[in-house]
Structure formats: structure tokens, C-alpha cells
PDB file of all heavy atoms in Angstrom:
ATOM      1  N   THR A   1     -21.200 -10.972  -6.312  1.00  0.00           N
ATOM      2  CA  THR A   1     -20.558 -11.345  -5.049  1.00  0.00           C
ATOM      3  C   THR A   1     -20.284 -12.842  -5.007  1.00  0.00           C
ATOM      4  O   THR A   1     -19.186 -13.282  -4.624  1.00  0.00           O
ATOM      5  CB  THR A   1     -21.443 -10.934  -3.857  1.00  0.00           C
ATOM      6  OG1 THR A   1     -21.633  -9.515  -3.881  1.00  0.00           O
ATOM      7  CG2 THR A   1     -20.798 -11.329  -2.541  1.00  0.00           C
ATOM      8  N   LYS A   2     -21.260 -13.626  -5.418  1.00  0.00           N
ATOM      9  CA  LYS A   2     -21.072 -15.077  -5.477  1.00  0.00           C
ATOM     10  C   LYS A   2     -19.970 -15.439  -6.457  1.00  0.00           C
ATOM     11  O   LYS A   2     -19.168 -16.356  -6.209  1.00  0.00           O
ATOM     12  CB  LYS A   2     -22.385 -15.760  -5.870  1.00  0.00           C
ATOM     13  CG  LYS A   2     -23.502 -15.616  -4.855  1.00  0.00           C
ATOM     14  CD  LYS A   2     -24.777 -16.261  -5.359  1.00  0.00           C
ATOM     15  CE  LYS A   2     -25.915 -16.080  -4.353  1.00  0.00           C
ATOM     16  NZ  LYS A   2     -27.199 -16.644  -4.878  1.00  0.00           N
ATOM     17  N   SER A   3     -19.924 -14.717  -7.563  1.00  0.00           N
ATOM     18  CA  SER A   3     -18.905 -14.974  -8.570  1.00  0.00           C
ATOM     19  C   SER A   3     -17.510 -14.673  -8.043  1.00  0.00           C
ATOM     20  O   SER A   3     -16.562 -15.436  -8.293  1.00  0.00           O
ATOM     21  CB  SER A   3     -19.185 -14.135  -9.822  1.00  0.00           C
ATOM     22  OG  SER A   3     -18.183 -14.332 -10.796  1.00  0.00           O
ATOM     23  N   VAL A   4     -17.361 -13.567  -7.302  1.00  0.00           N
ATOM     24  CA  VAL A   4     -16.058 -13.220  -6.733  1.00  0.00           C
ATOM     25  C   VAL A   4     -15.587 -14.288  -5.757  1.00  0.00           C
ATOM     26  O   VAL A   4     -14.408 -14.672  -5.747  1.00  0.00           O
ATOM     27  CB  VAL A   4     -16.112 -11.839  -6.038  1.00  0.00           C
ATOM     28  CG1 VAL A   4     -14.833 -11.575  -5.255  1.00  0.00           C
ATOM     29  CG2 VAL A   4     -16.320 -10.728  -7.061  1.00  0.00           C
ATOM     30  N   VAL A   5     -16.496 -14.790  -4.931  1.00  0.00           N
ATOM     31  CA  VAL A   5     -16.139 -15.848  -3.983  1.00  0.00           C
ATOM     32  C   VAL A   5     -15.627 -17.079  -4.731  1.00  0.00           C
ATOM     33  O   VAL A   5     -14.609 -17.679  -4.355  1.00  0.00           O
ATOM     34  CB  VAL A   5     -17.344 -16.219  -3.099  1.00  0.00           C
ATOM     35  CG1 VAL A   5     -17.040 -17.452  -2.254  1.00  0.00           C
ATOM     36  CG2 VAL A   5     -17.711 -15.053  -2.192  1.00  0.00           C
ATOM     37  N   SER A   6     -16.312 -17.449  -5.806  1.00  0.00           N
ATOM     38  CA  SER A   6     -15.906 -18.614  -6.603  1.00  0.00           C
ATOM     39  C   SER A   6     -14.575 -18.377  -7.300  1.00  0.00           C
ATOM     40  O   SER A   6     -13.709 -19.268  -7.336  1.00  0.00           O
ATOM     41  CB  SER A   6     -16.985 -18.947  -7.638  1.00  0.00           C
ATOM     42  OG  SER A   6     -18.205 -19.311  -7.018  1.00  0.00           O
ATOM     43  N   GLU A   7     -14.405 -17.178  -7.862  1.00  0.00           N
ATOM     44  CA  GLU A   7     -13.156 -16.860  -8.553  1.00  0.00           C
ATOM     45  C   GLU A   7     -11.982 -16.854  -7.571  1.00  0.00           C
ATOM     46  O   GLU A   7     -10.878 -17.297  -7.902  1.00  0.00           O
ATOM     47  CB  GLU A   7     -13.272 -15.506  -9.249  1.00  0.00           C
ATOM     48  CG  GLU A   7     -14.239 -15.464 -10.426  1.00  0.00           C
ATOM     49  CD  GLU A   7     -13.759 -16.299 -11.606  1.00  0.00           C
ATOM     50  OE1 GLU A   7     -12.563 -16.606 -11.668  1.00  0.00           O
ATOM     51  OE2 GLU A   7     -14.592 -16.647 -12.452  1.00  0.00           O
ATOM     52  N   CYS A   8     -12.198 -16.350  -6.385  1.00  0.00           N
ATOM     53  CA  CYS A   8     -11.148 -16.360  -5.361  1.00  0.00           C
ATOM     54  C   CYS A   8     -10.778 -17.795  -4.992  1.00  0.00           C
ATOM     55  O   CYS A   8      -9.591 -18.124  -4.851  1.00  0.00           O
ATOM     56  CB  CYS A   8     -11.604 -15.600  -4.112  1.00  0.00           C
ATOM     57  SG  CYS A   8     -11.557 -13.796  -4.267  1.00  0.00           S
ATOM     58  N   PHE A   9     -11.777 -18.642  -4.842  1.00  0.00           N
ATOM     59  CA  PHE A   9     -11.529 -20.047  -4.498  1.00  0.00           C
ATOM     60  C   PHE A   9     -10.676 -20.726  -5.569  1.00  0.00           C
ATOM     61  O   PHE A   9      -9.725 -21.449  -5.255  1.00  0.00           O
ATOM     62  CB  PHE A   9     -12.858 -20.782  -4.337  1.00  0.00           C
ATOM     63  CG  PHE A   9     -12.715 -22.248  -4.051  1.00  0.00           C
ATOM     64  CD1 PHE A   9     -12.364 -22.691  -2.782  1.00  0.00           C
ATOM     65  CD2 PHE A   9     -12.918 -23.192  -5.044  1.00  0.00           C
ATOM     66  CE1 PHE A   9     -12.222 -24.046  -2.517  1.00  0.00           C
ATOM     67  CE2 PHE A   9     -12.779 -24.544  -4.791  1.00  0.00           C
ATOM     68  CZ  PHE A   9     -12.430 -24.969  -3.518  1.00  0.00           C
ATOM     69  N   ARG A  10     -11.016 -20.473  -6.844  1.00  0.00           N
ATOM     70  CA  ARG A  10     -10.261 -21.076  -7.936  1.00  0.00           C
ATOM     71  C   ARG A  10      -8.812 -20.598  -7.958  1.00  0.00           C
ATOM     72  O   ARG A  10      -7.919 -21.307  -8.429  1.00  0.00           O
ATOM     73  CB  ARG A  10     -10.932 -20.771  -9.277  1.00  0.00           C
ATOM     74  CG  ARG A  10     -12.127 -21.668  -9.574  1.00  0.00           C
ATOM     75  CD  ARG A  10     -12.556 -21.545 -11.006  1.00  0.00           C
ATOM     76  NE  ARG A  10     -13.333 -20.348 -11.254  1.00  0.00           N
ATOM     77  CZ  ARG A  10     -14.654 -20.303 -11.143  1.00  0.00           C
ATOM     78  NH1 ARG A  10     -15.331 -21.385 -10.772  1.00  0.00           N
ATOM     79  NH2 ARG A  10     -15.306 -19.185 -11.382  1.00  0.00           N
ATOM     80  N   ARG A  11      -8.589 -19.403  -7.423  1.00  0.00           N
ATOM     81  CA  ARG A  11      -7.242 -18.826  -7.428  1.00  0.00           C
ATOM     82  C   ARG A  11      -6.482 -19.093  -6.124  1.00  0.00           C
ATOM     83  O   ARG A  11      -5.357 -18.647  -5.967  1.00  0.00           O
ATOM     84  CB  ARG A  11      -7.338 -17.318  -7.676  1.00  0.00           C
ATOM     85  CG  ARG A  11      -7.758 -16.952  -9.100  1.00  0.00           C
ATOM     86  CD  ARG A  11      -8.216 -15.501  -9.190  1.00  0.00           C
ATOM     87  NE  ARG A  11      -8.377 -15.041 -10.554  1.00  0.00           N
ATOM     88  CZ  ARG A  11      -9.405 -15.320 -11.330  1.00  0.00           C
ATOM     89  NH1 ARG A  11     -10.390 -16.093 -10.845  1.00  0.00           N
ATOM     90  NH2 ARG A  11      -9.472 -14.868 -12.571  1.00  0.00           N
ATOM     91  N   GLY A  12      -7.120 -19.780  -5.182  1.00  0.00           N
ATOM     92  CA  GLY A  12      -6.428 -20.161  -3.954  1.00  0.00           C
ATOM     93  C   GLY A  12      -6.694 -19.299  -2.745  1.00  0.00           C
ATOM     94  O   GLY A  12      -5.938 -19.346  -1.771  1.00  0.00           O
ATOM     95  N   LEU A  13      -7.779 -18.512  -2.776  1.00  0.00           N
ATOM     96  CA  LEU A  13      -8.129 -17.654  -1.635  1.00  0.00           C
ATOM     97  C   LEU A  13      -9.529 -18.002  -1.151  1.00  0.00           C
ATOM     98  O   LEU A  13     -10.494 -17.936  -1.920  1.00  0.00           O
ATOM     99  CB  LEU A  13      -8.065 -16.176  -2.034  1.00  0.00           C
ATOM    100  CG  LEU A  13      -8.457 -15.153  -0.961  1.00  0.00           C
ATOM    101  CD1 LEU A  13      -7.460 -15.190   0.203  1.00  0.00           C
ATOM    102  CD2 LEU A  13      -8.554 -13.753  -1.552  1.00  0.00           C
ATOM    103  N   LEU A  14      -9.644 -18.370   0.127  1.00  0.00           N
ATOM    104  CA  LEU A  14     -10.939 -18.690   0.704  1.00  0.00           C
ATOM    105  C   LEU A  14     -11.512 -17.471   1.403  1.00  0.00           C
ATOM    106  O   LEU A  14     -10.900 -16.923   2.326  1.00  0.00           O
ATOM    107  CB  LEU A  14     -10.800 -19.830   1.717  1.00  0.00           C
ATOM    108  CG  LEU A  14     -10.355 -21.185   1.174  1.00  0.00           C
ATOM    109  CD1 LEU A  14     -10.164 -22.168   2.323  1.00  0.00           C
ATOM    110  CD2 LEU A  14     -11.366 -21.731   0.173  1.00  0.00           C
ATOM    111  N   ILE A  15     -12.675 -17.010   0.956  1.00  0.00           N
ATOM    112  CA  ILE A  15     -13.362 -15.907   1.612  1.00  0.00           C
ATOM    113  C   ILE A  15     -14.832 -16.279   1.783  1.00  0.00           C
ATOM    114  O   ILE A  15     -15.355 -17.165   1.103  1.00  0.00           O
ATOM    115  CB  ILE A  15     -13.252 -14.580   0.821  1.00  0.00           C
ATOM    116  CG1 ILE A  15     -13.817 -14.736  -0.594  1.00  0.00           C
ATOM    117  CG2 ILE A  15     -11.811 -14.101   0.766  1.00  0.00           C
ATOM    118  CD1 ILE A  15     -13.849 -13.432  -1.364  1.00  0.00           C
ATOM    119  N   LEU A  16     -15.488 -15.601   2.699  1.00  0.00           N
ATOM    120  CA  LEU A  16     -16.906 -15.810   2.951  1.00  0.00           C
ATOM    121  C   LEU A  16     -17.672 -14.529   2.672  1.00  0.00           C
ATOM    122  O   LEU A  16     -17.085 -13.451   2.547  1.00  0.00           O
ATOM    123  CB  LEU A  16     -17.130 -16.231   4.409  1.00  0.00           C
ATOM    124  CG  LEU A  16     -16.508 -17.549   4.854  1.00  0.00           C
ATOM    125  CD1 LEU A  16     -16.714 -17.723   6.361  1.00  0.00           C
ATOM    126  CD2 LEU A  16     -17.114 -18.718   4.096  1.00  0.00           C
ATOM    127  N   THR A  17     -18.979 -14.674   2.586  1.00  0.00           N
ATOM    128  CA  THR A  17     -19.827 -13.493   2.445  1.00  0.00           C
ATOM    129  C   THR A  17     -20.457 -13.157   3.787  1.00  0.00           C
ATOM    130  O   THR A  17     -20.534 -13.986   4.690  1.00  0.00           O
ATOM    131  CB  THR A  17     -20.943 -13.732   1.413  1.00  0.00           C
ATOM    132  OG1 THR A  17     -21.708 -14.871   1.811  1.00  0.00           O
ATOM    133  CG2 THR A  17     -20.358 -13.957   0.038  1.00  0.00           C
ATOM    134  N   CYS A  18     -20.900 -11.941   3.905  1.00  0.00           N
ATOM    135  CA  CYS A  18     -21.655 -11.481   5.072  1.00  0.00           C
ATOM    136  C   CYS A  18     -22.869 -10.754   4.512  1.00  0.00           C
ATOM    137  O   CYS A  18     -22.738  -9.641   3.986  1.00  0.00           O
ATOM    138  CB  CYS A  18     -20.798 -10.555   5.935  1.00  0.00           C
ATOM    139  SG  CYS A  18     -21.607 -10.021   7.447  1.00  0.00           S
ATOM    140  N   GLY A  19     -24.023 -11.383   4.558  1.00  0.00           N
ATOM    141  CA  GLY A  19     -25.160 -10.846   3.850  1.00  0.00           C
ATOM    142  C   GLY A  19     -25.072 -11.233   2.376  1.00  0.00           C
ATOM    143  O   GLY A  19     -24.262 -12.078   1.976  1.00  0.00           O
ATOM    144  N   GLU A  20     -25.873 -10.608   1.555  1.00  0.00           N
ATOM    145  CA  GLU A  20     -25.955 -10.993   0.140  1.00  0.00           C
ATOM    146  C   GLU A  20     -24.842 -10.425  -0.721  1.00  0.00           C
ATOM    147  O   GLU A  20     -24.493 -11.013  -1.747  1.00  0.00           O
ATOM    148  CB  GLU A  20     -27.304 -10.538  -0.438  1.00  0.00           C
ATOM    149  CG  GLU A  20     -28.508 -11.259   0.108  1.00  0.00           C
ATOM    150  CD  GLU A  20     -29.788 -10.843  -0.569  1.00  0.00           C
ATOM    151  OE1 GLU A  20     -29.962  -9.631  -0.830  1.00  0.00           O
ATOM    152  OE2 GLU A  20     -30.607 -11.736  -0.869  1.00  0.00           O
ATOM    153  N   ASN A  21     -24.271  -9.284  -0.325  1.00  0.00           N
ATOM    154  CA  ASN A  21     -23.342  -8.626  -1.251  1.00  0.00           C
ATOM    155  C   ASN A  21     -22.106  -8.042  -0.569  1.00  0.00           C
ATOM    156  O   ASN A  21     -21.514  -7.085  -1.070  1.00  0.00           O
ATOM    157  CB  ASN A  21     -24.066  -7.509  -2.020  1.00  0.00           C
ATOM    158  CG  ASN A  21     -24.490  -6.361  -1.119  1.00  0.00           C
ATOM    159  OD1 ASN A  21     -25.049  -6.576  -0.050  1.00  0.00           O
ATOM    160  ND2 ASN A  21     -24.210  -5.142  -1.548  1.00  0.00           N
ATOM    161  N   THR A  22     -21.711  -8.623   0.548  1.00  0.00           N
ATOM    162  CA  THR A  22     -20.500  -8.158   1.218  1.00  0.00           C
ATOM    163  C   THR A  22     -19.526  -9.314   1.393  1.00  0.00           C
ATOM    164  O   THR A  22     -19.891 -10.371   1.901  1.00  0.00           O
ATOM    165  CB  THR A  22     -20.831  -7.549   2.591  1.00  0.00           C
ATOM    166  OG1 THR A  22     -21.694  -6.428   2.408  1.00  0.00           O
ATOM    167  CG2 THR A  22     -19.561  -7.067   3.292  1.00  0.00           C
ATOM    168  N   LEU A  23     -18.292  -9.095   0.949  1.00  0.00           N
ATOM    169  CA  LEU A  23     -17.225 -10.063   1.145  1.00  0.00           C
ATOM    170  C   LEU A  23     -16.618  -9.825   2.523  1.00  0.00           C
ATOM    171  O   LEU A  23     -16.367  -8.687   2.906  1.00  0.00           O
ATOM    172  CB  LEU A  23     -16.145  -9.893   0.074  1.00  0.00           C
ATOM    173  CG  LEU A  23     -16.614  -9.978  -1.391  1.00  0.00           C
ATOM    174  CD1 LEU A  23     -15.468  -9.607  -2.323  1.00  0.00           C
ATOM    175  CD2 LEU A  23     -17.147 -11.360  -1.703  1.00  0.00           C
ATOM    176  N   ARG A  24     -16.360 -10.893   3.238  1.00  0.00           N
ATOM    177  CA  ARG A  24     -15.825 -10.783   4.594  1.00  0.00           C
ATOM    178  C   ARG A  24     -14.401 -11.320   4.633  1.00  0.00           C
ATOM    179  O   ARG A  24     -14.137 -12.451   4.253  1.00  0.00           O
ATOM    180  CB  ARG A  24     -16.710 -11.561   5.577  1.00  0.00           C
ATOM    181  CG  ARG A  24     -16.204 -11.559   6.997  1.00  0.00           C
ATOM    182  CD  ARG A  24     -17.198 -12.165   7.946  1.00  0.00           C
ATOM    183  NE  ARG A  24     -17.635 -13.495   7.554  1.00  0.00           N
ATOM    184  CZ  ARG A  24     -18.451 -14.256   8.293  1.00  0.00           C
ATOM    185  NH1 ARG A  24     -18.927 -13.798   9.431  1.00  0.00           N
ATOM    186  NH2 ARG A  24     -18.806 -15.451   7.879  1.00  0.00           N
ATOM    187  N   LEU A  25     -13.484 -10.492   5.103  1.00  0.00           N
ATOM    188  CA  LEU A  25     -12.087 -10.895   5.260  1.00  0.00           C
ATOM    189  C   LEU A  25     -11.767 -10.959   6.752  1.00  0.00           C
ATOM    190  O   LEU A  25     -11.765  -9.935   7.431  1.00  0.00           O
ATOM    191  CB  LEU A  25     -11.152  -9.901   4.572  1.00  0.00           C
ATOM    192  CG  LEU A  25     -11.319  -9.692   3.060  1.00  0.00           C
ATOM    193  CD1 LEU A  25     -10.223  -8.767   2.544  1.00  0.00           C
ATOM    194  CD2 LEU A  25     -11.296 -11.007   2.307  1.00  0.00           C
ATOM    195  N   CYS A  26     -11.487 -12.144   7.243  1.00  0.00           N
ATOM    196  CA  CYS A  26     -11.092 -12.340   8.644  1.00  0.00           C
ATOM    197  C   CYS A  26      -9.937 -13.332   8.686  1.00  0.00           C
ATOM    198  O   CYS A  26     -10.084 -14.456   9.191  1.00  0.00           O
ATOM    199  CB  CYS A  26     -12.268 -12.848   9.476  1.00  0.00           C
ATOM    200  SG  CYS A  26     -13.566 -11.652   9.757  1.00  0.00           S
ATOM    201  N   PRO A  27      -8.766 -12.942   8.152  1.00  0.00           N
ATOM    202  CA  PRO A  27      -7.636 -13.869   8.105  1.00  0.00           C
ATOM    203  C   PRO A  27      -7.029 -14.094   9.485  1.00  0.00           C
ATOM    204  O   PRO A  27      -7.328 -13.359  10.434  1.00  0.00           O
ATOM    205  CB  PRO A  27      -6.642 -13.151   7.182  1.00  0.00           C
ATOM    206  CG  PRO A  27      -6.950 -11.701   7.377  1.00  0.00           C
ATOM    207  CD  PRO A  27      -8.440 -11.632   7.573  1.00  0.00           C
ATOM    208  N   PRO A  28      -6.162 -15.100   9.624  1.00  0.00           N
ATOM    209  CA  PRO A  28      -5.486 -15.334  10.898  1.00  0.00           C
ATOM    210  C   PRO A  28      -4.712 -14.097  11.342  1.00  0.00           C
ATOM    211  O   PRO A  28      -4.170 -13.361  10.520  1.00  0.00           O
ATOM    212  CB  PRO A  28      -4.542 -16.506  10.591  1.00  0.00           C
ATOM    213  CG  PRO A  28      -5.169 -17.199   9.429  1.00  0.00           C
ATOM    214  CD  PRO A  28      -5.803 -16.116   8.615  1.00  0.00           C
ATOM    215  N   LEU A  29      -4.638 -13.890  12.637  1.00  0.00           N
ATOM    216  CA  LEU A  29      -3.951 -12.718  13.168  1.00  0.00           C
ATOM    217  C   LEU A  29      -2.455 -12.738  12.883  1.00  0.00           C
ATOM    218  O   LEU A  29      -1.780 -11.717  13.007  1.00  0.00           O
ATOM    219  CB  LEU A  29      -4.186 -12.599  14.679  1.00  0.00           C
ATOM    220  CG  LEU A  29      -5.432 -11.825  15.121  1.00  0.00           C
ATOM    221  CD1 LEU A  29      -6.705 -12.443  14.566  1.00  0.00           C
ATOM    222  CD2 LEU A  29      -5.516 -11.749  16.638  1.00  0.00           C
ATOM    223  N   MET A  30      -1.914 -13.877  12.495  1.00  0.00           N
ATOM    224  CA  MET A  30      -0.485 -14.006  12.225  1.00  0.00           C
ATOM    225  C   MET A  30      -0.143 -13.771  10.746  1.00  0.00           C
ATOM    226  O   MET A  30       1.000 -13.948  10.328  1.00  0.00           O
ATOM    227  CB  MET A  30       0.007 -15.392  12.635  1.00  0.00           C
ATOM    228  CG  MET A  30      -0.675 -16.525  11.896  1.00  0.00           C
ATOM    229  SD  MET A  30      -0.293 -18.159  12.582  1.00  0.00           S
ATOM    230  CE  MET A  30       1.469 -18.230  12.299  1.00  0.00           C
ATOM    231  N   ILE A  31      -1.095 -13.332   9.940  1.00  0.00           N
ATOM    232  CA  ILE A  31      -0.852 -13.084   8.523  1.00  0.00           C
ATOM    233  C   ILE A  31       0.295 -12.080   8.360  1.00  0.00           C
ATOM    234  O   ILE A  31       0.443 -11.147   9.152  1.00  0.00           O
ATOM    235  CB  ILE A  31      -2.142 -12.579   7.849  1.00  0.00           C
ATOM    236  CG1 ILE A  31      -1.983 -12.513   6.331  1.00  0.00           C
ATOM    237  CG2 ILE A  31      -2.565 -11.223   8.407  1.00  0.00           C
ATOM    238  CD1 ILE A  31      -3.286 -12.188   5.603  1.00  0.00           C
ATOM    239  N   ASP A  32       1.118 -12.276   7.309  1.00  0.00           N
ATOM    240  CA  ASP A  32       2.243 -11.362   7.103  1.00  0.00           C
ATOM    241  C   ASP A  32       2.044 -10.528   5.836  1.00  0.00           C
ATOM    242  O   ASP A  32       1.030 -10.660   5.136  1.00  0.00           O
ATOM    243  CB  ASP A  32       3.572 -12.128   7.053  1.00  0.00           C
ATOM    244  CG  ASP A  32       3.623 -13.175   5.941  1.00  0.00           C
ATOM    245  OD1 ASP A  32       2.920 -13.020   4.918  1.00  0.00           O
ATOM    246  OD2 ASP A  32       4.382 -14.154   6.087  1.00  0.00           O
ATOM    247  N   ASP A  33       3.024  -9.682   5.535  1.00  0.00           N
ATOM    248  CA  ASP A  33       2.910  -8.763   4.398  1.00  0.00           C
ATOM    249  C   ASP A  33       2.697  -9.503   3.079  1.00  0.00           C
ATOM    250  O   ASP A  33       1.841  -9.128   2.273  1.00  0.00           O
ATOM    251  CB  ASP A  33       4.169  -7.894   4.285  1.00  0.00           C
ATOM    252  CG  ASP A  33       4.288  -6.865   5.402  1.00  0.00           C
ATOM    253  OD1 ASP A  33       3.342  -6.752   6.206  1.00  0.00           O
ATOM    254  OD2 ASP A  33       5.326  -6.171   5.470  1.00  0.00           O
ATOM    255  N   SER A  34       3.485 -10.540   2.850  1.00  0.00           N
ATOM    256  CA  SER A  34       3.395 -11.258   1.577  1.00  0.00           C
ATOM    257  C   SER A  34       2.039 -11.926   1.411  1.00  0.00           C
ATOM    258  O   SER A  34       1.479 -11.960   0.302  1.00  0.00           O
ATOM    259  CB  SER A  34       4.522 -12.297   1.473  1.00  0.00           C
ATOM    260  OG  SER A  34       4.400 -13.288   2.479  1.00  0.00           O
ATOM    261  N   GLN A  35       1.478 -12.456   2.484  1.00  0.00           N
ATOM    262  CA  GLN A  35       0.165 -13.090   2.409  1.00  0.00           C
ATOM    263  C   GLN A  35      -0.935 -12.062   2.185  1.00  0.00           C
ATOM    264  O   GLN A  35      -1.879 -12.311   1.427  1.00  0.00           O
ATOM    265  CB  GLN A  35      -0.080 -13.893   3.677  1.00  0.00           C
ATOM    266  CG  GLN A  35       0.819 -15.119   3.803  1.00  0.00           C
ATOM    267  CD  GLN A  35       0.805 -15.724   5.195  1.00  0.00           C
ATOM    268  OE1 GLN A  35       0.554 -15.038   6.186  1.00  0.00           O
ATOM    269  NE2 GLN A  35       1.082 -17.017   5.288  1.00  0.00           N
ATOM    270  N   SER A  36      -0.830 -10.916   2.837  1.00  0.00           N
ATOM    271  CA  SER A  36      -1.804  -9.845   2.608  1.00  0.00           C
ATOM    272  C   SER A  36      -1.758  -9.384   1.157  1.00  0.00           C
ATOM    273  O   SER A  36      -2.803  -9.194   0.512  1.00  0.00           O
ATOM    274  CB  SER A  36      -1.522  -8.661   3.539  1.00  0.00           C
ATOM    275  OG  SER A  36      -1.800  -8.985   4.887  1.00  0.00           O
ATOM    276  N   ASP A  37      -0.554  -9.205   0.638  1.00  0.00           N
ATOM    277  CA  ASP A  37      -0.414  -8.748  -0.742  1.00  0.00           C
ATOM    278  C   ASP A  37      -0.917  -9.799  -1.728  1.00  0.00           C
ATOM    279  O   ASP A  37      -1.513  -9.462  -2.755  1.00  0.00           O
ATOM    280  CB  ASP A  37       1.050  -8.408  -1.034  1.00  0.00           C
ATOM    281  CG  ASP A  37       1.535  -7.194  -0.257  1.00  0.00           C
ATOM    282  OD1 ASP A  37       0.675  -6.453   0.271  1.00  0.00           O
ATOM    283  OD2 ASP A  37       2.757  -6.992  -0.172  1.00  0.00           O
ATOM    284  N   ALA A  38      -0.684 -11.077  -1.421  1.00  0.00           N
ATOM    285  CA  ALA A  38      -1.188 -12.146  -2.287  1.00  0.00           C
ATOM    286  C   ALA A  38      -2.714 -12.158  -2.303  1.00  0.00           C
ATOM    287  O   ALA A  38      -3.333 -12.335  -3.358  1.00  0.00           O
ATOM    288  CB  ALA A  38      -0.649 -13.500  -1.816  1.00  0.00           C
ATOM    289  N   ALA A  39      -3.332 -11.950  -1.132  1.00  0.00           N
ATOM    290  CA  ALA A  39      -4.793 -11.903  -1.052  1.00  0.00           C
ATOM    291  C   ALA A  39      -5.343 -10.739  -1.872  1.00  0.00           C
ATOM    292  O   ALA A  39      -6.348 -10.877  -2.579  1.00  0.00           O
ATOM    293  CB  ALA A  39      -5.229 -11.792   0.402  1.00  0.00           C
ATOM    294  N   LEU A  40      -4.685  -9.591  -1.784  1.00  0.00           N
ATOM    295  CA  LEU A  40      -5.121  -8.427  -2.552  1.00  0.00           C
ATOM    296  C   LEU A  40      -5.015  -8.683  -4.051  1.00  0.00           C
ATOM    297  O   LEU A  40      -5.910  -8.302  -4.821  1.00  0.00           O
ATOM    298  CB  LEU A  40      -4.288  -7.203  -2.166  1.00  0.00           C
ATOM    299  CG  LEU A  40      -4.546  -6.619  -0.777  1.00  0.00           C
ATOM    300  CD1 LEU A  40      -3.488  -5.577  -0.428  1.00  0.00           C
ATOM    301  CD2 LEU A  40      -5.945  -6.007  -0.690  1.00  0.00           C
TER     302      LEU A  40
END
């Protein structure tokens, strides 16, 4: 989980964890299709 957070950061995506092994996605409410697809 820690590794995924770091790898995402290096690739331009900021995410947080919730607990020890859960990734939390809470993007801005104005996110669009292209941004969602880029995050995925």
C-alpha cells in the first residue's frame, strides 16, 4: 500500500491511505472523464 502511494506520486497522482492497507480516493467534485481515466 505504501509502495502504491509512492508510485502514484512519482507518476503525478496524489492519493492518501485510510488505515494501513486502504487507498482513499476523494478527488474534487468537478473532476471530469479525462481526469478520472488518467487517475485509473
